[in-house]
C-alpha atoms as a PDB file:
ATOM      1  CA  UNK A   1      66.196 -26.046   5.493  1.00  0.00           C
ATOM      2  CA  UNK A   2      69.464 -25.184   3.778  1.00  0.00           C
ATOM      3  CA  UNK A   3      71.459 -26.745   6.636  1.00  0.00           C
ATOM      4  CA  UNK A   4      69.345 -29.307   8.518  1.00  0.00           C
ATOM      5  CA  UNK A   5      72.097 -30.258  10.982  1.00  0.00           C
ATOM      6  CA  UNK A   6      71.251 -28.933  14.456  1.00  0.00           C
ATOM      7  CA  UNK A   7      72.668 -29.127  17.959  1.00  0.00           C
ATOM      8  CA  UNK A   8      70.179 -30.219  20.609  1.00  0.00           C
ATOM      9  CA  UNK A   9      70.308 -30.309  24.396  1.00  0.00           C
ATOM     10  CA  UNK A  10      67.734 -32.240  26.441  1.00  0.00           C
ATOM     11  CA  UNK A  11      68.550 -31.939  30.111  1.00  0.00           C
ATOM     12  CA  UNK A  12      72.293 -32.610  30.303  1.00  0.00           C
ATOM     13  CA  UNK A  13      72.361 -34.731  27.113  1.00  0.00           C
ATOM     14  CA  UNK A  14      73.735 -33.014  24.010  1.00  0.00           C
ATOM     15  CA  UNK A  15      73.585 -34.452  20.508  1.00  0.00           C
ATOM     16  CA  UNK A  16      73.482 -33.605  16.832  1.00  0.00           C
ATOM     17  CA  UNK A  17      70.257 -34.141  14.913  1.00  0.00           C
ATOM     18  CA  UNK A  18      68.879 -33.699  11.427  1.00  0.00           C
ATOM     19  CA  UNK A  19      65.837 -31.434  11.184  1.00  0.00           C
ATOM     20  CA  UNK A  20      63.050 -31.716   8.637  1.00  0.00           C
ATOM     21  CA  UNK A  21      59.550 -30.338   8.286  1.00  0.00           C
ATOM     22  CA  UNK A  22      56.813 -32.929   8.802  1.00  0.00           C
ATOM     23  CA  UNK A  23      54.886 -33.933   5.696  1.00  0.00           C
ATOM     24  CA  UNK A  24      51.162 -33.088   5.586  1.00  0.00           C
ATOM     25  CA  UNK A  25      50.327 -36.719   6.439  1.00  0.00           C
ATOM     26  CA  UNK A  26      52.682 -36.664   9.449  1.00  0.00           C
ATOM     27  CA  UNK A  27      51.663 -33.179  10.544  1.00  0.00           C
ATOM     28  CA  UNK A  28      47.948 -33.759  11.198  1.00  0.00           C
ATOM     29  CA  UNK A  29      48.242 -36.447  13.923  1.00  0.00           C
ATOM     30  CA  UNK A  30      51.283 -34.726  15.445  1.00  0.00           C
ATOM     31  CA  UNK A  31      49.429 -31.398  15.648  1.00  0.00           C
ATOM     32  CA  UNK A  32      46.414 -33.031  17.315  1.00  0.00           C
ATOM     33  CA  UNK A  33      48.701 -34.733  19.835  1.00  0.00           C
ATOM     34  CA  UNK A  34      50.602 -31.519  20.601  1.00  0.00           C
ATOM     35  CA  UNK A  35      47.385 -29.504  20.951  1.00  0.00           C
ATOM     36  CA  UNK A  36      46.017 -32.029  23.453  1.00  0.00           C
ATOM     37  CA  UNK A  37      49.161 -31.525  25.545  1.00  0.00           C
ATOM     38  CA  UNK A  38      49.247 -27.740  25.159  1.00  0.00           C
ATOM     39  CA  UNK A  39      45.977 -26.172  23.898  1.00  0.00           C
ATOM     40  CA  UNK A  40      47.772 -22.853  23.342  1.00  0.00           C
ATOM     41  CA  UNK A  41      49.000 -24.301  20.030  1.00  0.00           C
ATOM     42  CA  UNK A  42      45.452 -24.112  18.653  1.00  0.00           C
ATOM     43  CA  UNK A  43      44.968 -20.612  20.027  1.00  0.00           C
ATOM     44  CA  UNK A  44      48.140 -19.476  18.289  1.00  0.00           C
ATOM     45  CA  UNK A  45      47.144 -21.186  15.026  1.00  0.00           C
ATOM     46  CA  UNK A  46      43.830 -19.317  15.030  1.00  0.00           C
ATOM     47  CA  UNK A  47      45.683 -15.983  15.154  1.00  0.00           C
ATOM     48  CA  UNK A  48      47.604 -16.539  11.911  1.00  0.00           C
ATOM     49  CA  UNK A  49      46.779 -17.355   8.311  1.00  0.00           C
ATOM     50  CA  UNK A  50      49.909 -19.424   7.792  1.00  0.00           C
ATOM     51  CA  UNK A  51      50.287 -23.099   8.588  1.00  0.00           C
ATOM     52  CA  UNK A  52      52.633 -23.526  11.523  1.00  0.00           C
ATOM     53  CA  UNK A  53      55.258 -26.098  10.568  1.00  0.00           C
ATOM     54  CA  UNK A  54      56.209 -29.018  12.770  1.00  0.00           C
ATOM     55  CA  UNK A  55      59.916 -29.738  12.710  1.00  0.00           C
ATOM     56  CA  UNK A  56      61.027 -33.308  13.351  1.00  0.00           C
ATOM     57  CA  UNK A  57      64.494 -34.045  14.731  1.00  0.00           C
ATOM     58  CA  UNK A  58      66.333 -37.315  14.104  1.00  0.00           C
ATOM     59  CA  UNK A  59      69.379 -37.921  16.332  1.00  0.00           C
ATOM     60  CA  UNK A  60      72.575 -38.455  14.322  1.00  0.00           C
ATOM     61  CA  UNK A  61      74.864 -39.866  17.018  1.00  0.00           C
END
């Protein structure tokens, strides 16, 4: 959070992005979508007391 600039590689594409934690309003629908794709997210969430953050990346270039 102190330095939200990150380097990302997707396949052979590399770019710089800005990372931020999703707000509570953003997080709920994103979590449901992710858990539909990979149900292990819900299994992992049940094993911890903390809320697992969702980090959003915005390309900068």
